[in-house]
């Protein structure tokens, strides 16, 4: 029996390390999805477009003083700058991704620690960062649900500009036939706008689902760490298989997000350490704004 248990130990350590790797990969994917819905990477603009914007500003901005050479020079330099300064929120998300990379690295040492007889200590040291990041993923998912972002889709801007032109034409129309034609064009624009809104909502729900998946994997990882010395190899594999099974089917069905959210929250609340960290972090969250609308992913 002693030999059998010993032979399982390397495989058990390997499964734990692979779970941590999956945790890191899921987190990276989720963070990139959050960047996308907040449009934190500015839309690229060509040099020609930047020049046109600059000329338009020079011709129309009454605050520009052409006698002030320094002011004009700064405006030209800033307007034509293609490498925009990094967004502070984007930096925060990049830092969060780096936290997952560092946390994942701690698990790479577990197999070596097993050979040195320091496995228990290595597993224990890996617990705190993985739990902290699990809580951060769940809280970020909750914040998005409470106050969903409005992605700055460039197609929406174009449609609203066309709406503005149609309104002017409609107000100046001289015949009923012309007004009817313009009204029909406006209805088509409205359909396009509603379609973009639907796409944005789906994108936000998918990003939130990825955050919740990462939190779910982190919760499973925490459970394994907590009971690592008492779990058999088969029990470890069973828990990981369950986590990965949820991950493979969860994202395909957006309507499942609301159902799984409660299950994931319960799993975290049942972990005393995770639950304590979660409650402490929630106290630092800003209250939801009065005009915010809860995200609904069931349709």
Protein backbone atom coordinates (compact mmCIF):
# COMPACT_ATOMS: atom_id res chain seq x y z
CA UNK A 1 0.00 0.00 0.00
CA UNK A 2 2.84 2.38 0.85
CA UNK A 3 4.42 1.79 -2.55
CA UNK A 4 1.08 2.34 -4.32
CA UNK A 5 0.45 5.64 -2.54
CA UNK A 6 3.97 6.79 -3.27
CA UNK A 7 3.59 6.00 -6.95
CA UNK A 8 0.46 8.13 -7.11
CA UNK A 9 2.17 11.18 -5.63
CA UNK A 10 4.00 12.36 -8.80
CA UNK A 11 0.83 12.05 -10.86
CA UNK A 12 -1.13 13.88 -8.19
CA UNK A 13 1.38 16.74 -8.21
CA UNK A 14 1.27 16.86 -12.01
CA UNK A 15 -2.53 17.09 -12.03
CA UNK A 16 -2.40 19.94 -9.53
CA UNK A 17 0.16 21.80 -11.65
CA UNK A 18 -1.89 21.32 -14.82
CA UNK A 19 -4.97 22.64 -13.02
CA UNK A 20 -3.04 25.75 -12.03
CA UNK A 21 -1.89 26.16 -15.63
CA UNK A 22 -5.49 25.93 -16.82
CA UNK A 23 -6.43 28.50 -14.16
CA UNK A 24 -3.81 30.89 -15.57
CA UNK A 25 -4.87 30.35 -19.20
CA UNK A 26 -8.55 30.91 -18.38
CA UNK A 27 -7.69 34.08 -16.49
CA UNK A 28 -5.64 35.47 -19.36
CA UNK A 29 -8.49 34.83 -21.80
CA UNK A 30 -11.02 36.40 -19.43
CA UNK A 31 -8.91 39.53 -18.90
CA UNK A 32 -8.49 40.02 -22.65
CA UNK A 33 -12.28 39.73 -23.03
CA UNK A 34 -12.78 42.40 -20.35
CA UNK A 35 -10.37 44.69 -22.21
CA UNK A 36 -12.42 44.22 -25.36
CA UNK A 37 -15.78 45.14 -23.83
CA UNK A 38 -14.32 48.30 -22.33
CA UNK A 39 -12.46 49.11 -25.57
CA UNK A 40 -9.35 49.92 -23.58
CA UNK A 41 -7.10 49.57 -26.60
CA UNK A 42 -7.74 52.69 -28.72
CA UNK A 43 -8.98 52.16 -32.26
CA UNK A 44 -6.08 52.51 -34.71
CA UNK A 45 -6.24 55.53 -37.02
CA UNK A 46 -4.33 56.11 -40.21
CA UNK A 47 -2.01 59.07 -40.67
CA UNK A 48 -4.38 60.48 -43.30
CA UNK A 49 -7.32 60.36 -40.88
CA UNK A 50 -5.28 61.98 -38.12
CA UNK A 51 -4.27 64.81 -40.49
CA UNK A 52 -7.90 65.42 -41.44
CA UNK A 53 -8.95 65.58 -37.79
CA UNK A 54 -6.15 68.03 -37.10
CA UNK A 55 -7.05 70.30 -40.04
CA UNK A 56 -10.73 70.24 -39.02
CA UNK A 57 -9.78 71.27 -35.49
CA UNK A 58 -7.48 74.07 -36.68
CA UNK A 59 -10.30 75.43 -38.83
CA UNK A 60 -13.11 75.16 -36.27
CA UNK A 61 -11.68 75.47 -32.72
CA UNK A 62 -12.20 79.11 -31.57
CA UNK A 63 -9.86 78.57 -28.60
CA UNK A 64 -6.82 78.15 -30.82
CA UNK A 65 -4.60 81.23 -30.86
CA UNK A 66 -2.46 81.21 -33.99
CA UNK A 67 -0.21 83.83 -32.42
CA UNK A 68 0.78 81.28 -29.77
CA UNK A 69 3.42 79.20 -31.53
CA UNK A 70 3.93 76.83 -28.58
CA UNK A 71 0.20 76.08 -28.38
CA UNK A 72 -0.03 75.30 -32.09
CA UNK A 73 3.08 73.11 -31.93
CA UNK A 74 1.69 71.11 -29.00
CA UNK A 75 -1.68 70.64 -30.71
CA UNK A 76 -0.04 69.39 -33.89
CA UNK A 77 2.33 67.08 -32.04
CA UNK A 78 -0.39 65.60 -29.81
CA UNK A 79 -2.93 65.20 -32.62
CA UNK A 80 -0.55 63.36 -34.91
CA UNK A 81 0.85 61.13 -32.17
CA UNK A 82 -0.04 57.59 -33.24
CA UNK A 83 1.35 55.89 -30.11
CA UNK A 84 -1.23 56.98 -27.56
CA UNK A 85 -0.48 56.84 -23.87
CA UNK A 86 -1.48 53.66 -22.11
CA UNK A 87 -4.87 53.57 -20.45
CA UNK A 88 -4.58 53.31 -16.62
CA UNK A 89 -7.42 50.76 -16.45
CA UNK A 90 -5.66 48.73 -19.13
CA UNK A 91 -2.53 48.81 -16.99
CA UNK A 92 -4.49 47.47 -14.02
CA UNK A 93 -5.76 44.54 -16.09
CA UNK A 94 -2.25 43.85 -17.39
CA UNK A 95 -1.01 43.82 -13.80
CA UNK A 96 -3.80 41.39 -12.91
CA UNK A 97 -2.73 39.10 -15.75
CA UNK A 98 0.83 39.24 -14.46
CA UNK A 99 -0.41 38.18 -11.02
CA UNK A 100 -1.82 35.02 -12.58
CA UNK A 101 1.48 34.33 -14.33
CA UNK A 102 3.37 34.65 -11.05
CA UNK A 103 0.80 32.52 -9.20
CA UNK A 104 1.04 29.86 -11.90
CA UNK A 105 4.82 29.76 -11.54
CA UNK A 106 4.51 28.78 -7.87
CA UNK A 107 2.84 25.53 -8.94
CA UNK A 108 5.71 24.68 -11.29
CA UNK A 109 7.88 24.15 -8.22
CA UNK A 110 5.56 21.61 -6.61
CA UNK A 111 6.89 18.58 -8.51
CA UNK A 112 10.48 19.49 -7.67
CA UNK A 113 9.43 20.05 -4.05
CA UNK A 114 8.01 16.54 -3.98
CA UNK A 115 11.40 15.11 -4.80
CA UNK A 116 12.95 17.18 -2.00
CA UNK A 117 10.32 16.23 0.55
CA UNK A 118 8.96 19.80 0.85
CA UNK A 119 5.77 19.23 -1.11
CA UNK A 120 3.36 20.22 1.68
CA UNK A 121 5.05 23.58 2.14
CA UNK A 122 5.07 24.30 -1.60
CA UNK A 123 1.36 23.55 -1.91
CA UNK A 124 0.60 25.74 1.09
CA UNK A 125 2.56 28.69 -0.37
CA UNK A 126 0.68 28.38 -3.65
CA UNK A 127 -2.68 28.60 -1.91
CA UNK A 128 -2.82 32.29 -0.96
CA UNK A 129 -2.22 33.85 -4.41
CA UNK A 130 -4.60 31.44 -6.15
CA UNK A 131 -7.35 32.19 -3.63
CA UNK A 132 -6.82 35.95 -3.87
CA UNK A 133 -7.09 35.82 -7.67
CA UNK A 134 -10.20 33.60 -7.49
CA UNK A 135 -11.94 36.29 -5.44
CA UNK A 136 -10.82 39.03 -7.84
CA UNK A 137 -12.34 37.20 -10.81
CA UNK A 138 -15.68 36.76 -9.07
CA UNK A 139 -15.77 40.40 -7.94
CA UNK A 140 -14.96 41.64 -11.43
CA UNK A 141 -17.79 39.52 -12.82
CA UNK A 142 -20.15 40.99 -10.21
CA UNK A 143 -19.09 44.57 -11.05
CA UNK A 144 -19.76 44.00 -14.76
CA UNK A 145 -23.19 42.57 -13.94
CA UNK A 146 -24.09 45.53 -11.70
CA UNK A 147 -22.85 48.23 -14.07
CA UNK A 148 -22.37 46.83 -17.60
CA UNK A 149 -20.07 48.85 -19.87
CA UNK A 150 -21.12 50.36 -23.20
CA UNK A 151 -18.49 49.26 -25.71
CA UNK A 152 -17.44 52.08 -28.02
CA UNK A 153 -18.34 50.29 -31.23
CA UNK A 154 -17.27 52.48 -34.20
CA UNK A 155 -20.20 51.17 -36.28
CA UNK A 156 -22.60 52.68 -33.74
CA UNK A 157 -20.97 56.08 -34.20
CA UNK A 158 -21.40 55.86 -37.97
CA UNK A 159 -25.07 54.89 -37.64
CA UNK A 160 -25.81 57.76 -35.27
CA UNK A 161 -24.10 60.17 -37.66
CA UNK A 162 -26.30 58.88 -40.51
CA UNK A 163 -29.33 59.28 -38.23
CA UNK A 164 -28.36 62.91 -37.68
CA UNK A 165 -28.21 63.55 -41.43
CA UNK A 166 -31.53 61.76 -41.98
CA UNK A 167 -33.20 63.92 -39.34
CA UNK A 168 -32.12 67.10 -41.10
CA UNK A 169 -33.33 65.74 -44.44
CA UNK A 170 -36.64 64.60 -42.90
CA UNK A 171 -37.28 68.01 -41.37
CA UNK A 172 -36.60 69.71 -44.70
CA UNK A 173 -38.58 67.21 -46.82
CA UNK A 174 -41.13 68.87 -49.11
CA UNK A 175 -43.30 65.87 -49.98
CA UNK A 176 -44.94 62.95 -48.23
CA UNK A 177 -43.21 60.50 -50.57
CA UNK A 178 -39.80 61.90 -49.61
CA UNK A 179 -40.63 61.70 -45.89
CA UNK A 180 -41.78 58.09 -46.30
CA UNK A 181 -38.54 57.15 -48.04
CA UNK A 182 -36.46 58.80 -45.30
CA UNK A 183 -38.58 57.14 -42.60
CA UNK A 184 -37.91 53.72 -44.15
CA UNK A 185 -34.17 54.44 -44.21
CA UNK A 186 -34.33 55.40 -40.53
CA UNK A 187 -36.05 52.10 -39.70
CA UNK A 188 -33.22 50.21 -41.40
CA UNK A 189 -30.68 52.19 -39.39
CA UNK A 190 -32.60 51.36 -36.22
CA UNK A 191 -32.43 47.64 -37.04
CA UNK A 192 -28.67 47.95 -37.55
CA UNK A 193 -28.33 49.76 -34.23
CA UNK A 194 -30.36 47.12 -32.38
CA UNK A 195 -28.22 44.42 -33.96
CA UNK A 196 -25.06 46.10 -32.65
CA UNK A 197 -26.61 46.40 -29.19
CA UNK A 198 -27.34 42.65 -29.23
CA UNK A 199 -23.79 41.85 -30.32
CA UNK A 200 -22.39 44.04 -27.54
CA UNK A 201 -24.59 42.37 -24.93
CA UNK A 202 -23.47 38.93 -26.09
CA UNK A 203 -19.83 40.03 -25.92
CA UNK A 204 -20.28 41.34 -22.36
CA UNK A 205 -22.04 38.16 -21.24
CA UNK A 206 -19.28 36.03 -22.75
CA UNK A 207 -16.62 38.05 -20.95
CA UNK A 208 -18.49 37.65 -17.67
CA UNK A 209 -18.87 33.92 -18.29
CA UNK A 210 -15.09 33.62 -18.72
CA UNK A 211 -14.52 35.48 -15.46
CA UNK A 212 -16.90 33.12 -13.67
CA UNK A 213 -15.24 30.08 -15.23
CA UNK A 214 -11.90 31.27 -13.93
CA UNK A 215 -13.39 31.81 -10.46
CA UNK A 216 -14.91 28.32 -10.59
CA UNK A 217 -11.59 26.72 -11.50
CA UNK A 218 -9.90 28.75 -8.76
CA UNK A 219 -12.45 27.54 -6.21
CA UNK A 220 -11.83 23.92 -7.25
CA UNK A 221 -8.10 24.55 -7.00
CA UNK A 222 -8.55 25.95 -3.50
CA UNK A 223 -10.51 22.87 -2.43
CA UNK A 224 -7.78 20.58 -3.72
CA UNK A 225 -5.06 22.60 -1.96
CA UNK A 226 -7.00 22.58 1.33
CA UNK A 227 -7.44 18.79 1.30
CA UNK A 228 -4.39 17.90 -0.76
CA UNK A 229 -2.81 15.57 1.80
CA UNK A 230 -6.07 13.68 2.33
CA UNK A 231 -7.20 13.28 -1.29
CA UNK A 232 -6.37 10.25 -3.36
CA UNK A 233 -5.17 10.56 -6.94
CA UNK A 234 -8.60 9.47 -8.22
CA UNK A 235 -10.34 12.12 -6.09
CA UNK A 236 -8.04 14.85 -7.39
CA UNK A 237 -8.66 13.78 -10.98
CA UNK A 238 -12.43 13.65 -10.40
CA UNK A 239 -12.52 17.21 -9.06
CA UNK A 240 -10.41 18.53 -11.94
CA UNK A 241 -12.48 16.65 -14.53
CA UNK A 242 -15.61 18.27 -13.10
CA UNK A 243 -14.06 21.73 -13.31
CA UNK A 244 -12.86 21.23 -16.89
CA UNK A 245 -16.18 19.68 -17.90
CA UNK A 246 -17.98 22.83 -16.79
CA UNK A 247 -15.43 24.95 -18.64
CA UNK A 248 -15.95 23.10 -21.91
CA UNK A 249 -19.74 23.56 -21.97
CA UNK A 250 -20.33 26.73 -19.97
CA UNK A 251 -19.25 29.36 -22.50
CA UNK A 252 -21.29 27.90 -25.36
CA UNK A 253 -24.62 28.70 -23.68
CA UNK A 254 -24.87 32.29 -22.49
CA UNK A 255 -28.18 31.61 -20.76
CA UNK A 256 -26.34 29.25 -18.40
CA UNK A 257 -24.34 32.11 -16.91
CA UNK A 258 -27.04 33.15 -14.44
CA UNK A 259 -27.57 29.57 -13.28
CA UNK A 260 -23.89 28.81 -12.85
CA UNK A 261 -23.22 32.12 -11.10
CA UNK A 262 -25.13 30.97 -8.02
CA UNK A 263 -23.40 27.59 -8.03
CA UNK A 264 -19.96 29.21 -8.19
CA UNK A 265 -20.82 31.68 -5.45
CA UNK A 266 -22.03 28.84 -3.22
CA UNK A 267 -18.82 26.89 -3.87
CA UNK A 268 -16.75 29.90 -2.84
CA UNK A 269 -18.90 30.61 0.22
CA UNK A 270 -18.46 27.02 1.37
CA UNK A 271 -14.69 27.56 1.42
CA UNK A 272 -14.14 29.44 4.73
CA UNK A 273 -10.91 31.10 3.61
CA UNK A 274 -12.24 32.15 0.21
CA UNK A 275 -15.49 33.39 1.72
CA UNK A 276 -13.64 35.52 4.28
CA UNK A 277 -11.48 37.07 1.54
CA UNK A 278 -14.54 37.71 -0.60
CA UNK A 279 -16.47 39.48 2.16
CA UNK A 280 -13.51 41.71 2.98
CA UNK A 281 -13.04 42.69 -0.66
CA UNK A 282 -16.74 43.42 -1.13
CA UNK A 283 -16.57 46.05 1.60
CA UNK A 284 -14.18 48.03 -0.60
CA UNK A 285 -16.39 47.99 -3.69
CA UNK A 286 -18.06 51.22 -4.83
CA UNK A 287 -21.87 51.25 -4.64
CA UNK A 288 -23.78 50.72 -7.88
CA UNK A 289 -24.72 53.94 -9.63
CA UNK A 290 -28.37 54.93 -9.56
CA UNK A 291 -28.72 54.79 -13.35
CA UNK A 292 -26.97 51.44 -13.79
CA UNK A 293 -28.93 48.48 -15.13
CA UNK A 294 -28.25 44.91 -14.09
CA UNK A 295 -26.87 42.71 -16.84
CA UNK A 296 -29.31 40.02 -17.98
CA UNK A 297 -27.74 37.17 -19.97
CA UNK A 298 -30.71 34.84 -20.22
CA UNK A 299 -31.84 35.98 -23.64
